[in-house]
Protein backbone atom coordinates (compact mmCIF):
# COMPACT_ATOMS: atom_id res chain seq x y z
CA MET A 1 145.87 -80.76 -171.14
CA LYS A 2 148.77 -78.99 -169.76
CA SER A 3 148.15 -75.99 -170.27
CA ALA A 4 143.95 -76.75 -168.63
CA HIS A 5 146.06 -78.64 -165.42
CA SER A 6 147.84 -74.95 -165.58
CA ASN A 7 144.78 -72.98 -165.08
CA LYS A 8 142.96 -75.29 -162.06
CA ASN A 9 146.06 -75.13 -160.45
CA LEU A 10 145.94 -71.21 -161.04
CA LEU A 11 142.42 -71.11 -160.22
CA LEU A 12 142.87 -73.52 -157.06
CA LYS A 13 145.74 -71.15 -155.91
CA LEU A 14 143.14 -68.31 -156.32
CA ILE A 15 140.39 -70.21 -154.37
CA ILE A 16 143.01 -71.00 -151.45
CA GLY A 17 144.28 -66.83 -151.43
CA PHE A 18 140.59 -65.71 -151.43
CA ILE A 19 139.76 -67.73 -148.55
CA GLY A 20 142.93 -66.68 -146.41
CA ILE A 21 142.00 -62.99 -147.23
CA ILE A 22 138.49 -63.47 -146.48
CA CYS A 23 139.94 -64.98 -142.84
CA PHE A 24 142.08 -62.38 -142.33
CA PHE A 25 139.55 -59.91 -141.92
CA THR A 26 136.45 -61.88 -140.45
CA GLY A 27 138.38 -64.55 -138.65
CA CYS A 28 135.27 -66.47 -140.00
CA SER A 29 135.81 -71.26 -139.55
CA ILE A 30 135.00 -71.63 -143.62
CA ILE A 31 138.71 -73.32 -143.60
CA ASN A 32 136.69 -76.10 -141.66
CA LYS A 33 136.01 -77.54 -145.08
CA TYR A 34 139.38 -78.22 -145.56
CA PHE A 35 141.20 -78.82 -142.59
CA LYS A 36 139.82 -81.50 -140.26
CA ALA A 37 140.96 -82.79 -136.94
CA ASP A 38 142.75 -86.22 -136.17
CA LYS A 39 140.80 -87.01 -133.25
CA PRO A 40 137.82 -87.54 -132.24
CA PHE A 41 135.92 -84.11 -132.06
CA ALA A 42 135.61 -82.96 -127.77
CA LEU A 43 133.19 -80.33 -128.48
CA VAL A 44 130.15 -80.52 -130.71
CA LYS A 45 128.37 -77.29 -131.77
CA ILE A 46 124.47 -77.11 -130.26
CA SER A 47 121.55 -75.15 -131.52
CA SER A 48 119.79 -72.23 -129.96
CA ASP A 49 117.42 -74.05 -128.66
CA GLN A 50 119.56 -76.41 -126.31
CA TYR A 51 121.81 -73.39 -124.82
CA PRO A 52 122.08 -73.40 -121.43
CA SER A 53 119.98 -70.46 -119.30
CA PHE A 54 122.97 -68.17 -119.17
CA PHE A 55 123.64 -66.96 -115.51
CA ASP A 56 126.57 -65.36 -113.67
CA ASP A 57 126.85 -65.72 -110.08
CA MET A 58 130.11 -63.62 -109.27
CA ALA A 59 130.56 -60.12 -109.92
CA TYR A 60 131.34 -59.12 -113.37
CA ASN A 61 133.75 -57.13 -112.87
CA SER A 62 135.79 -60.13 -112.21
CA ILE A 63 135.31 -61.90 -116.10
CA THR A 64 136.19 -58.38 -117.42
CA TYR A 65 140.01 -59.01 -115.99
CA SER A 66 139.59 -62.74 -116.65
CA ILE A 67 139.20 -61.82 -120.18
CA LEU A 68 141.64 -59.26 -120.64
CA GLN A 69 144.15 -62.42 -119.58
CA SER A 70 143.23 -64.14 -122.18
CA ILE A 71 143.26 -61.37 -125.20
CA ALA A 72 146.86 -60.36 -123.23
CA TYR A 73 147.96 -63.76 -124.54
CA LEU A 74 146.06 -63.91 -127.77
CA LYS A 75 147.83 -60.93 -128.99
CA LYS A 76 151.24 -61.86 -128.61
CA LEU A 77 150.27 -64.90 -131.22
CA SER A 78 150.02 -64.80 -135.28
CA TYR A 79 146.70 -63.51 -135.93
CA GLN A 80 146.38 -66.87 -137.91
CA LYS A 81 147.09 -69.23 -135.32
CA GLN A 82 144.15 -71.59 -135.67
CA PHE A 83 141.65 -72.94 -132.48
CA ILE A 84 139.65 -75.32 -133.21
CA PHE A 85 135.67 -75.69 -131.75
CA GLY A 86 134.02 -78.86 -132.77
CA ASN A 87 133.78 -78.84 -136.59
CA ASP A 88 134.61 -74.96 -136.82
CA ILE A 89 137.93 -73.63 -136.71
CA PHE A 90 139.12 -69.93 -136.02
CA THR A 91 141.85 -67.70 -136.02
CA THR A 92 143.49 -65.73 -133.33
CA THR A 93 142.14 -62.55 -135.04
CA HIS A 94 138.45 -63.71 -134.59
CA MET A 95 139.18 -64.88 -131.44
CA ILE A 96 140.46 -61.59 -130.11
CA GLU A 97 136.88 -60.31 -131.58
CA SER A 98 135.05 -62.13 -129.63
CA LEU A 99 135.94 -61.52 -126.03
CA SER A 100 135.90 -58.56 -126.82
CA PHE A 101 132.21 -57.74 -127.97
CA PHE A 102 131.52 -59.77 -124.89
CA LEU A 103 133.67 -57.70 -122.98
CA ASP A 104 131.84 -54.35 -124.17
CA PHE A 105 128.43 -56.04 -124.01
CA ILE A 106 129.10 -57.24 -120.38
CA HIS A 107 129.85 -53.21 -119.44
CA THR A 108 126.86 -52.31 -119.83
CA LYS A 109 125.48 -54.10 -117.09
CA PRO A 110 123.17 -56.04 -118.20
CA SER A 111 119.60 -58.40 -116.94
CA ASN A 112 119.86 -61.63 -116.97
CA LYS A 113 117.33 -61.51 -119.88
CA GLN A 114 119.68 -58.70 -121.74
CA LEU A 115 122.73 -61.45 -121.80
CA ASN A 116 120.58 -64.54 -122.88
CA THR A 117 119.33 -62.66 -125.63
CA PHE A 118 122.23 -61.50 -126.53
CA ILE A 119 124.12 -64.81 -126.67
CA LYS A 120 121.10 -66.27 -128.68
CA SER A 121 121.81 -63.75 -131.26
CA LYS A 122 125.71 -63.20 -131.31
CA TYR A 123 127.36 -66.60 -130.45
CA ALA A 124 127.70 -69.57 -131.44
CA VAL A 125 128.14 -72.70 -128.63
CA TYR A 126 129.39 -75.77 -128.29
CA LYS A 127 129.31 -78.66 -125.39
CA SER A 128 132.21 -80.60 -124.43
CA VAL A 129 131.25 -84.76 -124.70
CA GLY A 130 132.26 -84.86 -121.18
CA ASN A 131 132.39 -88.26 -119.82
CA LYS A 132 132.03 -91.29 -122.65
CA LYS A 133 129.66 -92.87 -119.86
CA SER A 134 127.59 -89.98 -118.34
CA GLY A 135 128.42 -87.14 -121.43
CA LEU A 136 129.15 -85.13 -118.04
CA VAL A 137 132.27 -83.56 -116.96
CA LEU A 138 133.94 -84.03 -113.35
CA PHE A 139 134.73 -80.55 -112.40
CA THR A 140 137.52 -80.59 -109.19
CA GLY A 141 139.55 -77.72 -107.85
CA TYR A 142 142.71 -76.21 -106.96
CA PHE A 143 144.08 -72.96 -105.25
CA GLU A 144 147.26 -70.73 -104.58
CA PRO A 145 149.07 -72.97 -101.44
CA ILE A 146 151.11 -70.22 -98.73
CA LEU A 147 153.75 -72.03 -97.32
CA LYS A 148 156.27 -71.08 -94.43
CA GLY A 149 159.68 -71.29 -96.10
CA SER A 150 163.24 -70.39 -95.19
CA LEU A 151 166.55 -69.10 -98.26
CA GLU A 152 169.18 -71.46 -95.98
CA LYS A 153 167.98 -74.79 -95.37
CA ASN A 154 168.34 -75.02 -91.63
CA SER A 155 166.59 -77.80 -88.74
CA GLU A 156 163.14 -76.61 -88.83
CA TYR A 157 163.01 -75.84 -92.92
CA LYS A 158 164.72 -78.80 -94.55
CA TYR A 159 162.46 -79.96 -98.16
CA PRO A 160 164.30 -78.02 -100.58
CA VAL A 161 161.28 -76.41 -103.41
CA TYR A 162 163.58 -77.07 -106.50
CA LYS A 163 164.14 -74.99 -109.85
CA SER A 164 164.84 -77.07 -112.94
CA PRO A 165 168.00 -78.59 -112.82
CA ASP A 166 170.90 -77.94 -115.44
CA ASN A 167 170.92 -81.50 -116.66
CA LEU A 168 167.30 -81.86 -117.19
CA ILE A 169 166.87 -81.96 -121.03
CA THR A 170 163.37 -82.04 -122.95
CA ILE A 171 163.55 -83.46 -126.59
CA ASP A 172 160.99 -82.11 -129.22
CA LEU A 173 160.61 -85.15 -131.25
CA SER A 174 158.72 -83.78 -134.26
CA SER A 175 162.30 -82.30 -135.25
CA PHE A 176 162.84 -86.25 -135.93
CA SER A 177 160.05 -86.94 -137.82
CA SER A 178 156.30 -85.34 -138.93
CA LYS A 179 154.66 -88.38 -137.19
CA PHE A 180 155.91 -87.46 -133.75
CA LYS A 181 154.15 -84.10 -134.35
CA GLY A 182 153.64 -82.83 -130.08
CA LYS A 183 155.33 -85.91 -128.66
CA LYS A 184 158.56 -84.80 -126.39
CA ILE A 185 160.57 -86.67 -124.38
CA THR A 186 162.38 -85.31 -120.87
CA GLY A 187 165.50 -87.11 -119.85
CA ARG A 188 169.19 -86.79 -118.95
CA LEU A 189 172.43 -87.31 -120.40
CA THR A 190 174.91 -90.34 -118.84
CA GLY A 191 178.03 -90.97 -120.87
CA GLN A 192 176.98 -91.40 -124.51
CA SER A 193 173.04 -92.36 -123.43
CA PHE A 194 169.70 -90.30 -123.07
CA VAL A 195 168.45 -92.00 -119.93
CA PRO A 196 164.60 -91.26 -117.88
CA TYR A 197 164.95 -88.63 -115.46
CA TYR A 198 165.43 -88.87 -111.49
CA ASN A 199 162.21 -90.44 -110.47
CA ARG A 200 160.59 -88.45 -107.29
CA LYS A 201 161.87 -91.20 -104.73
CA GLU A 202 165.39 -90.87 -106.37
CA ILE A 203 165.08 -86.98 -106.50
CA GLU A 204 163.34 -86.62 -102.48
CA THR A 205 164.30 -89.65 -100.31
CA ASP A 206 167.97 -90.75 -102.08
CA ASP A 207 168.86 -86.68 -102.42
CA VAL A 208 169.99 -86.98 -106.06
CA LEU A 209 170.25 -83.06 -106.73
CA LYS A 210 171.56 -82.75 -103.18
CA GLY A 211 174.34 -80.09 -103.42
CA GLN A 212 173.99 -78.72 -107.09
CA GLY A 213 172.48 -75.49 -105.52
CA THR A 214 169.32 -75.98 -107.29
CA ALA A 215 167.14 -75.15 -104.31
CA ILE A 216 164.61 -71.64 -104.26
CA ALA A 217 163.57 -72.17 -100.49
CA TRP A 218 162.95 -74.41 -98.41
CA VAL A 219 159.94 -75.31 -96.16
CA LYS A 220 159.37 -77.29 -93.23
CA ASP A 221 156.56 -79.52 -94.00
CA ARG A 222 157.04 -82.57 -96.13
CA ILE A 223 152.81 -83.11 -97.16
CA ASP A 224 152.72 -79.15 -97.79
CA LEU A 225 155.59 -79.36 -100.19
CA PHE A 226 154.05 -81.94 -101.89
CA PHE A 227 150.63 -80.63 -102.53
CA LEU A 228 152.24 -77.37 -104.11
CA HIS A 229 153.24 -79.54 -106.88
CA ILE A 230 149.92 -81.06 -106.94
CA GLN A 231 148.48 -77.41 -107.49
CA GLY A 232 150.94 -75.78 -109.65
CA SER A 233 151.97 -72.45 -108.11
CA GLY A 234 152.08 -70.84 -104.61
CA LYS A 235 153.78 -68.62 -102.47
CA ILE A 236 156.54 -69.06 -99.97
CA TYR A 237 156.66 -66.68 -96.99
CA VAL A 238 160.71 -66.88 -96.35
CA ASP A 239 162.25 -65.87 -92.91
CA ASN A 240 163.40 -62.89 -93.97
CA GLY A 241 159.65 -60.96 -94.19
CA LYS A 242 159.05 -61.06 -97.72
CA PHE A 243 157.50 -64.04 -99.83
CA ILE A 244 158.53 -64.99 -103.43
CA ASN A 245 156.03 -66.82 -105.77
CA VAL A 246 157.25 -69.93 -107.13
CA HIS A 247 155.74 -71.22 -110.12
CA TYR A 248 155.70 -74.74 -112.21
CA HIS A 249 158.28 -74.64 -114.67
CA LYS A 250 159.50 -78.09 -116.10
CA VAL A 251 158.40 -81.36 -114.73
CA ASN A 252 160.72 -84.67 -114.77
CA GLY A 253 159.40 -86.70 -117.51
CA HIS A 254 157.25 -89.12 -115.38
CA PRO A 255 154.30 -89.75 -115.46
CA TYR A 256 151.61 -88.67 -112.73
CA LYS A 257 149.92 -91.06 -110.40
CA SER A 258 147.05 -89.86 -108.66
CA ILE A 259 148.00 -90.50 -105.10
CA GLY A 260 144.33 -90.41 -103.98
CA SER A 261 143.19 -93.59 -106.13
CA LEU A 262 146.14 -95.69 -104.46
CA LEU A 263 144.11 -94.80 -100.94
CA ILE A 264 141.19 -95.84 -102.47
CA LYS A 265 142.01 -98.83 -104.23
CA GLU A 266 144.51 -99.93 -100.95
CA LYS A 267 140.70 -99.40 -99.03
CA LYS A 268 142.47 -96.56 -96.45
CA ILE A 269 140.20 -94.13 -97.42
CA ASP A 270 136.82 -94.68 -98.69
CA ARG A 271 136.18 -93.34 -102.42
CA SER A 272 133.30 -91.46 -101.02
CA GLU A 273 135.68 -89.31 -98.23
CA MET A 274 138.23 -88.79 -100.60
CA SER A 275 139.48 -85.46 -100.55
CA MET A 276 142.81 -83.48 -100.00
CA GLN A 277 141.72 -82.66 -96.45
CA LYS A 278 141.19 -86.22 -95.90
CA ILE A 279 144.86 -87.43 -97.68
CA ARG A 280 146.81 -84.87 -95.39
CA SER A 281 144.51 -85.83 -92.07
CA TYR A 282 145.68 -89.88 -93.22
CA LEU A 283 149.46 -88.98 -94.02
CA ASN A 284 149.96 -87.22 -90.49
CA GLU A 285 148.24 -90.22 -88.90
CA HIS A 286 150.26 -92.58 -90.53
CA PRO A 287 154.32 -90.78 -90.54
CA LYS A 288 155.79 -94.31 -91.38
CA GLU A 289 153.74 -94.92 -94.51
CA ILE A 290 154.50 -91.22 -95.91
CA ASP A 291 157.65 -92.41 -98.38
CA ALA A 292 155.59 -94.84 -99.61
CA ILE A 293 152.81 -93.21 -100.65
CA LEU A 294 154.35 -90.44 -101.85
CA ASN A 295 156.58 -92.13 -104.20
CA TYR A 296 153.71 -93.45 -105.30
CA ASN A 297 153.78 -90.40 -107.86
CA PRO A 298 156.98 -90.41 -109.44
CA SER A 299 156.39 -87.23 -111.58
CA TYR A 300 158.33 -84.65 -109.60
CA VAL A 301 157.71 -80.83 -110.44
CA PHE A 302 160.49 -77.82 -110.70
CA PHE A 303 159.66 -74.45 -110.17
CA LYS A 304 160.68 -70.58 -111.33
CA ILE A 305 160.03 -67.07 -109.34
CA GLU A 306 157.84 -64.91 -110.99
CA ASN A 307 157.75 -61.32 -110.08
CA ASP A 308 153.73 -62.30 -109.62
CA GLY A 309 151.40 -64.76 -109.14
CA PRO A 310 149.50 -67.63 -108.96
CA LEU A 311 150.21 -68.05 -113.15
CA GLY A 312 148.68 -70.79 -115.50
CA TYR A 313 149.78 -72.25 -118.61
CA LEU A 314 149.30 -69.31 -120.80
CA GLU A 315 151.68 -67.08 -118.42
CA VAL A 316 148.96 -64.93 -117.53
CA LYS A 317 147.71 -64.45 -113.73
CA LEU A 318 145.13 -66.71 -113.00
CA THR A 319 141.56 -65.18 -111.71
CA PRO A 320 140.35 -66.73 -108.72
CA GLY A 321 137.24 -68.63 -109.41
CA ARG A 322 137.24 -67.45 -113.22
CA SER A 323 140.20 -69.55 -114.58
CA LEU A 324 140.09 -73.05 -115.57
CA ALA A 325 141.99 -75.63 -116.28
CA ILE A 326 141.18 -78.96 -119.00
CA ASP A 327 142.93 -80.08 -121.40
CA ARG A 328 145.46 -78.08 -123.70
CA ARG A 329 144.70 -80.51 -126.51
CA ILE A 330 141.53 -80.96 -127.44
CA PHE A 331 140.32 -77.53 -126.19
CA PRO A 332 140.59 -74.32 -127.87
CA LEU A 333 142.54 -72.19 -125.40
CA ALA A 334 142.00 -68.79 -123.51
CA ALA A 335 138.78 -69.46 -124.98
CA LEU A 336 135.63 -68.23 -122.81
CA SER A 337 133.41 -70.70 -121.30
CA TYR A 338 130.61 -71.36 -119.35
CA ILE A 339 130.66 -74.37 -116.39
CA GLU A 340 127.59 -75.73 -114.35
CA THR A 341 128.11 -77.76 -111.01
CA GLN A 342 128.20 -77.55 -107.62
CA LYS A 343 130.47 -75.42 -105.29
CA PRO A 344 130.19 -75.75 -101.31
CA VAL A 345 128.45 -74.05 -98.84
CA VAL A 346 130.30 -72.85 -95.80
CA ASP A 347 130.05 -72.34 -92.13
CA GLY A 348 132.21 -70.18 -89.66
CA ASN A 349 134.01 -72.72 -87.97
CA ALA A 350 134.95 -73.73 -91.89
CA ASN A 351 132.59 -77.00 -92.02
CA ILE A 352 130.45 -77.48 -95.03
CA VAL A 353 126.76 -77.40 -94.78
CA TYR A 354 125.86 -78.64 -98.22
CA TRP A 355 126.62 -77.94 -101.96
CA LYS A 356 124.22 -75.77 -104.07
CA ASN A 357 124.15 -75.33 -107.76
CA PHE A 358 126.26 -72.82 -109.90
CA SER A 359 127.47 -71.68 -113.21
CA ARG A 360 129.52 -69.02 -114.13
CA PHE A 361 131.83 -68.06 -116.97
CA VAL A 362 135.33 -69.28 -117.00
CA LEU A 363 138.45 -68.52 -118.96
CA ASN A 364 140.57 -71.68 -120.14
CA HIS A 365 143.56 -70.41 -118.80
CA ASP A 366 145.49 -73.74 -117.53
CA THR A 367 146.43 -76.30 -117.96
CA GLY A 368 147.14 -79.92 -115.45
CA GLY A 369 149.13 -83.65 -115.49
CA ALA A 370 145.74 -85.20 -114.19
CA ILE A 371 143.10 -83.07 -116.13
CA LYS A 372 143.11 -84.73 -119.76
CA GLY A 373 140.55 -85.75 -122.10
CA PRO A 374 136.60 -84.19 -122.13
CA GLY A 375 134.50 -85.61 -119.21
CA ARG A 376 137.92 -83.59 -116.86
CA ALA A 377 137.67 -79.80 -115.88
CA ASP A 378 139.76 -77.83 -113.18
CA LEU A 379 138.52 -75.13 -111.65
CA PHE A 380 141.24 -72.60 -109.50
CA TRP A 381 139.08 -70.65 -106.57
CA GLY A 382 142.34 -68.29 -105.19
CA ASN A 383 143.75 -68.61 -101.97
CA GLY A 384 142.55 -68.45 -98.23
CA GLN A 385 140.69 -71.07 -96.25
CA TYR A 386 137.59 -71.09 -98.35
CA ALA A 387 139.40 -71.66 -101.68
CA GLU A 388 141.20 -74.87 -99.79
CA ILE A 389 138.31 -76.19 -99.18
CA ALA A 390 136.30 -75.48 -102.05
CA ALA A 391 139.71 -76.89 -103.73
CA GLY A 392 139.81 -80.16 -101.51
CA TYR A 393 137.14 -81.31 -101.84
CA MET A 394 134.84 -80.85 -104.87
CA GLN A 395 134.37 -83.76 -106.91
CA HIS A 396 131.09 -83.01 -108.78
CA HIS A 397 129.75 -83.75 -112.26
CA GLY A 398 128.50 -80.44 -114.54
CA ASN A 399 128.50 -79.35 -118.03
CA LEU A 400 131.05 -77.51 -119.78
CA TYR A 401 130.09 -74.99 -122.62
CA PHE A 402 132.37 -73.18 -125.21
CA LEU A 403 131.36 -69.61 -126.48
CA ILE A 404 132.38 -67.86 -129.97
CA LYS A 405 131.35 -64.86 -131.95
CA LYS A 406 129.51 -66.25 -135.13
CA PRO A 407 131.46 -65.60 -137.84
């Protein structure tokens, strides 16, 4: 009996080793038979007759740049890292091969018919399950704000853009128990106790970080600063004639709470009119309410300076119109995606004339505090007037797909 048991163990090891060898060379998804996701799948594989009619409304040179950013990120990872697509799991090796293969084809400048034939023949497509009720994904937008600032505090520039303080500590709870895998807490030490870090009110209104030398720069508009926190990165033109790229570094650990939802709940802005621009207008018209409204969101972002930007969660440069922010816990990072939703058509006076349907290939480069679940996605629009309009007003439903080369 002992000999038979040993033989079974040896056989099992050989089978697992064989699977590993195959996946090393092919990046195959065969390992999905042995690994199961611990949460309901966010993506469902669809049959070729369910594929959308792929059409990209942008020039292919921008998707080339965006794909190269994904490949650059992937090349820094272990070739054995796993990426979950619904029931299937692929390795880093296969992710890179899939993106490179698509990129080579795009360089041939295919017609729309050739594009669809190519995808149907060579790629598996997975669709986001979307919102529980509608099955659709709510698309919003974000942009790179440009602020005026100073390297020194003065009467005009008095609101600090803080870098991460030394007393901000993040603890990985998985170090204590495997049941806390993926769980972290952020706080600070006070005496012998570890307590939550300061919230927005304590940082901005009570000025608890004053004198700690943690300001990167100072800006003149508190509302602009708040929206810089929401966008996650931006440029600050400082008084020496240069600009600095500031990028999300850490957060204070408090949950993100939407001030837009607050203003709707308190009937200060109608849901049908809600936009970033409408919030800004309301705050400027009601200066006495600014403290209470902004402090409703206890979450606070700390920044770092980068040589280039804006950067997303993957620490690669975001591509206007091509970089997508979605929930990194349930969607494969750096993956090739495809979206169908709506974009604004704007006249010469910066007014939205109407919204039109559009579709394009995008890459999963970013994430966000408010972007949770399979029914949310945030599209990066770049900077400038149109980007700010699109990002501020976009709240439209649509579909989100992921593509991966068939193994």
